[in-house]
Amino acid sequence: MSEGFASPAVRAPDFPDTLDWLHTAGRSLTLGDFRGKLLLLDFWTYG
């Protein structure tokens, strides 16, 4: 038996349809677009 870490099953909700994306050339993104990739989300706001 392997002595590694088990990958947890995480089911995140998809992004809302009303989300405004920056620098995507008008394309809406989904979590499925990033499946199998490392994704860094940077949350910030206008101040």
PDB file of N, CA and C in Angstrom:
ATOM      1  N   MET A   1       0.840  -1.185   0.000  1.00  0.00           N
ATOM      2  CA  MET A   1       0.000   0.000   0.000  1.00  0.00           C
ATOM      3  C   MET A   1       0.881   1.243   0.000  1.00  0.00           C
ATOM      4  N   SER A   2       0.497   2.279  -0.688  1.00  0.00           N
ATOM      5  CA  SER A   2       1.268   3.515  -0.800  1.00  0.00           C
ATOM      6  C   SER A   2       1.166   4.353   0.476  1.00  0.00           C
ATOM      7  N   GLU A   3       2.271   4.972   0.849  1.00  0.00           N
ATOM      8  CA  GLU A   3       2.313   5.823   2.046  1.00  0.00           C
ATOM      9  C   GLU A   3       2.248   7.304   1.665  1.00  0.00           C
ATOM     10  N   GLY A   4       1.477   7.679   0.684  1.00  0.00           N
ATOM     11  CA  GLY A   4       1.374   9.074   0.251  1.00  0.00           C
ATOM     12  C   GLY A   4       0.110   9.725   0.770  1.00  0.00           C
ATOM     13  N   PHE A   5      -0.046  10.957   0.412  1.00  0.00           N
ATOM     14  CA  PHE A   5      -1.249  11.693   0.791  1.00  0.00           C
ATOM     15  C   PHE A   5      -2.347  11.388  -0.213  1.00  0.00           C
ATOM     16  N   ALA A   6      -3.524  11.186   0.289  1.00  0.00           N
ATOM     17  CA  ALA A   6      -4.674  10.974  -0.589  1.00  0.00           C
ATOM     18  C   ALA A   6      -5.178  12.323  -1.080  1.00  0.00           C
ATOM     19  N   SER A   7      -5.537  12.393  -2.319  1.00  0.00           N
ATOM     20  CA  SER A   7      -6.064  13.629  -2.884  1.00  0.00           C
ATOM     21  C   SER A   7      -7.511  13.810  -2.426  1.00  0.00           C
ATOM     22  N   PRO A   8      -7.808  14.902  -1.728  1.00  0.00           N
ATOM     23  CA  PRO A   8      -9.189  15.097  -1.262  1.00  0.00           C
ATOM     24  C   PRO A   8     -10.119  15.430  -2.423  1.00  0.00           C
ATOM     25  N   ALA A   9     -11.333  14.973  -2.329  1.00  0.00           N
ATOM     26  CA  ALA A   9     -12.339  15.293  -3.340  1.00  0.00           C
ATOM     27  C   ALA A   9     -13.007  16.602  -2.928  1.00  0.00           C
ATOM     28  N   VAL A  10     -12.713  17.656  -3.662  1.00  0.00           N
ATOM     29  CA  VAL A  10     -13.270  18.976  -3.369  1.00  0.00           C
ATOM     30  C   VAL A  10     -14.171  19.372  -4.523  1.00  0.00           C
ATOM     31  N   ARG A  11     -15.389  19.692  -4.207  1.00  0.00           N
ATOM     32  CA  ARG A  11     -16.338  20.110  -5.240  1.00  0.00           C
ATOM     33  C   ARG A  11     -16.689  21.577  -5.012  1.00  0.00           C
ATOM     34  N   ALA A  12     -16.000  22.428  -5.715  1.00  0.00           N
ATOM     35  CA  ALA A  12     -16.228  23.865  -5.603  1.00  0.00           C
ATOM     36  C   ALA A  12     -17.338  24.268  -6.572  1.00  0.00           C
ATOM     37  N   PRO A  13     -18.148  25.238  -6.188  1.00  0.00           N
ATOM     38  CA  PRO A  13     -19.174  25.729  -7.123  1.00  0.00           C
ATOM     39  C   PRO A  13     -18.519  26.469  -8.286  1.00  0.00           C
ATOM     40  N   ASP A  14     -19.162  26.435  -9.437  1.00  0.00           N
ATOM     41  CA  ASP A  14     -18.627  27.139 -10.594  1.00  0.00           C
ATOM     42  C   ASP A  14     -18.763  28.650 -10.392  1.00  0.00           C
ATOM     43  N   PHE A  15     -18.034  29.403 -11.180  1.00  0.00           N
ATOM     44  CA  PHE A  15     -18.102  30.858 -11.097  1.00  0.00           C
ATOM     45  C   PHE A  15     -19.488  31.337 -11.540  1.00  0.00           C
ATOM     46  N   PRO A  16     -20.032  32.394 -10.929  1.00  0.00           N
ATOM     47  CA  PRO A  16     -21.349  32.912 -11.341  1.00  0.00           C
ATOM     48  C   PRO A  16     -21.317  33.448 -12.777  1.00  0.00           C
ATOM     49  N   ASP A  17     -22.448  33.353 -13.461  1.00  0.00           N
ATOM     50  CA  ASP A  17     -22.545  33.856 -14.844  1.00  0.00           C
ATOM     51  C   ASP A  17     -22.392  35.367 -14.915  1.00  0.00           C
ATOM     52  N   THR A  18     -22.674  36.061 -13.827  1.00  0.00           N
ATOM     53  CA  THR A  18     -22.638  37.524 -13.827  1.00  0.00           C
ATOM     54  C   THR A  18     -21.259  38.079 -13.473  1.00  0.00           C
ATOM     55  N   LEU A  19     -20.268  37.226 -13.308  1.00  0.00           N
ATOM     56  CA  LEU A  19     -18.930  37.653 -12.919  1.00  0.00           C
ATOM     57  C   LEU A  19     -18.261  38.407 -14.059  1.00  0.00           C
ATOM     58  N   ASP A  20     -17.671  39.548 -13.752  1.00  0.00           N
ATOM     59  CA  ASP A  20     -16.932  40.329 -14.751  1.00  0.00           C
ATOM     60  C   ASP A  20     -15.464  39.931 -14.702  1.00  0.00           C
ATOM     61  N   TRP A  21     -14.936  39.458 -15.830  1.00  0.00           N
ATOM     62  CA  TRP A  21     -13.551  39.019 -15.910  1.00  0.00           C
ATOM     63  C   TRP A  21     -12.684  40.125 -16.500  1.00  0.00           C
ATOM     64  N   LEU A  22     -11.478  40.255 -15.991  1.00  0.00           N
ATOM     65  CA  LEU A  22     -10.499  41.203 -16.533  1.00  0.00           C
ATOM     66  C   LEU A  22      -9.449  40.440 -17.339  1.00  0.00           C
ATOM     67  N   HIS A  23      -9.022  41.026 -18.448  1.00  0.00           N
ATOM     68  CA  HIS A  23      -7.921  40.488 -19.267  1.00  0.00           C
ATOM     69  C   HIS A  23      -8.205  39.086 -19.820  1.00  0.00           C
ATOM     70  N   THR A  24      -9.442  38.825 -20.207  1.00  0.00           N
ATOM     71  CA  THR A  24      -9.783  37.536 -20.817  1.00  0.00           C
ATOM     72  C   THR A  24     -10.350  37.720 -22.225  1.00  0.00           C
ATOM     73  N   ALA A  25     -10.229  38.918 -22.775  1.00  0.00           N
ATOM     74  CA  ALA A  25     -10.727  39.224 -24.122  1.00  0.00           C
ATOM     75  C   ALA A  25     -12.230  38.947 -24.240  1.00  0.00           C
ATOM     76  N   GLY A  26     -12.976  39.208 -23.162  1.00  0.00           N
ATOM     77  CA  GLY A  26     -14.417  39.029 -23.181  1.00  0.00           C
ATOM     78  C   GLY A  26     -14.887  37.606 -22.955  1.00  0.00           C
ATOM     79  N   ARG A  27     -13.979  36.698 -22.749  1.00  0.00           N
ATOM     80  CA  ARG A  27     -14.332  35.287 -22.551  1.00  0.00           C
ATOM     81  C   ARG A  27     -14.667  35.023 -21.091  1.00  0.00           C
ATOM     82  N   SER A  28     -15.761  34.339 -20.840  1.00  0.00           N
ATOM     83  CA  SER A  28     -16.115  33.908 -19.491  1.00  0.00           C
ATOM     84  C   SER A  28     -15.402  32.598 -19.200  1.00  0.00           C
ATOM     85  N   LEU A  29     -14.884  32.461 -18.005  1.00  0.00           N
ATOM     86  CA  LEU A  29     -14.133  31.268 -17.628  1.00  0.00           C
ATOM     87  C   LEU A  29     -14.948  30.396 -16.685  1.00  0.00           C
ATOM     88  N   THR A  30     -14.675  29.108 -16.688  1.00  0.00           N
ATOM     89  CA  THR A  30     -15.303  28.164 -15.765  1.00  0.00           C
ATOM     90  C   THR A  30     -14.205  27.404 -15.034  1.00  0.00           C
ATOM     91  N   LEU A  31     -14.557  26.767 -13.935  1.00  0.00           N
ATOM     92  CA  LEU A  31     -13.570  25.963 -13.220  1.00  0.00           C
ATOM     93  C   LEU A  31     -13.090  24.793 -14.075  1.00  0.00           C
ATOM     94  N   GLY A  32     -13.942  24.303 -14.943  1.00  0.00           N
ATOM     95  CA  GLY A  32     -13.556  23.213 -15.836  1.00  0.00           C
ATOM     96  C   GLY A  32     -12.412  23.587 -16.768  1.00  0.00           C
ATOM     97  N   ASP A  33     -12.269  24.884 -17.077  1.00  0.00           N
ATOM     98  CA  ASP A  33     -11.165  25.347 -17.915  1.00  0.00           C
ATOM     99  C   ASP A  33      -9.816  25.123 -17.239  1.00  0.00           C
ATOM    100  N   PHE A  34      -9.821  24.997 -15.924  1.00  0.00           N
ATOM    101  CA  PHE A  34      -8.578  24.886 -15.165  1.00  0.00           C
ATOM    102  C   PHE A  34      -8.354  23.487 -14.592  1.00  0.00           C
ATOM    103  N   ARG A  35      -9.163  22.543 -14.976  1.00  0.00           N
ATOM    104  CA  ARG A  35      -9.038  21.183 -14.436  1.00  0.00           C
ATOM    105  C   ARG A  35      -7.649  20.617 -14.732  1.00  0.00           C
ATOM    106  N   GLY A  36      -7.002  20.116 -13.684  1.00  0.00           N
ATOM    107  CA  GLY A  36      -5.672  19.535 -13.829  1.00  0.00           C
ATOM    108  C   GLY A  36      -4.553  20.547 -13.830  1.00  0.00           C
ATOM    109  N   LYS A  37      -4.872  21.821 -13.588  1.00  0.00           N
ATOM    110  CA  LYS A  37      -3.870  22.882 -13.582  1.00  0.00           C
ATOM    111  C   LYS A  37      -3.832  23.546 -12.212  1.00  0.00           C
ATOM    112  N   LEU A  38      -2.705  24.116 -11.889  1.00  0.00           N
ATOM    113  CA  LEU A  38      -2.581  24.892 -10.659  1.00  0.00           C
ATOM    114  C   LEU A  38      -3.221  26.250 -10.901  1.00  0.00           C
ATOM    115  N   LEU A  39      -4.116  26.656 -10.016  1.00  0.00           N
ATOM    116  CA  LEU A  39      -4.852  27.907 -10.189  1.00  0.00           C
ATOM    117  C   LEU A  39      -4.643  28.782  -8.970  1.00  0.00           C
ATOM    118  N   LEU A  40      -4.146  29.983  -9.181  1.00  0.00           N
ATOM    119  CA  LEU A  40      -3.956  30.955  -8.111  1.00  0.00           C
ATOM    120  C   LEU A  40      -4.999  32.052  -8.298  1.00  0.00           C
ATOM    121  N   LEU A  41      -5.852  32.230  -7.309  1.00  0.00           N
ATOM    122  CA  LEU A  41      -6.867  33.284  -7.349  1.00  0.00           C
ATOM    123  C   LEU A  41      -6.400  34.444  -6.484  1.00  0.00           C
ATOM    124  N   ASP A  42      -6.408  35.615  -7.049  1.00  0.00           N
ATOM    125  CA  ASP A  42      -5.991  36.821  -6.334  1.00  0.00           C
ATOM    126  C   ASP A  42      -7.233  37.695  -6.178  1.00  0.00           C
ATOM    127  N   PHE A  43      -7.766  37.752  -4.958  1.00  0.00           N
ATOM    128  CA  PHE A  43      -8.967  38.528  -4.681  1.00  0.00           C
ATOM    129  C   PHE A  43      -8.574  39.923  -4.229  1.00  0.00           C
ATOM    130  N   TRP A  44      -9.103  40.933  -4.879  1.00  0.00           N
ATOM    131  CA  TRP A  44      -8.848  42.314  -4.492  1.00  0.00           C
ATOM    132  C   TRP A  44     -10.053  43.147  -4.886  1.00  0.00           C
ATOM    133  N   THR A  45     -10.073  44.373  -4.439  1.00  0.00           N
ATOM    134  CA  THR A  45     -11.205  45.251  -4.716  1.00  0.00           C
ATOM    135  C   THR A  45     -10.696  46.648  -5.056  1.00  0.00           C
ATOM    136  N   TYR A  46     -11.536  47.384  -5.715  1.00  0.00           N
ATOM    137  CA  TYR A  46     -11.204  48.792  -6.003  1.00  0.00           C
ATOM    138  C   TYR A  46     -11.387  49.584  -4.727  1.00  0.00           C
ATOM    139  N   GLY A  47     -10.513  50.529  -4.462  1.00  0.00           N
ATOM    140  CA  GLY A  47     -10.621  51.251  -3.211  1.00  0.00           C
ATOM    141  C   GLY A  47     -10.570  52.698  -3.304  1.00  0.00           C
TER     142      GLY A  47
END
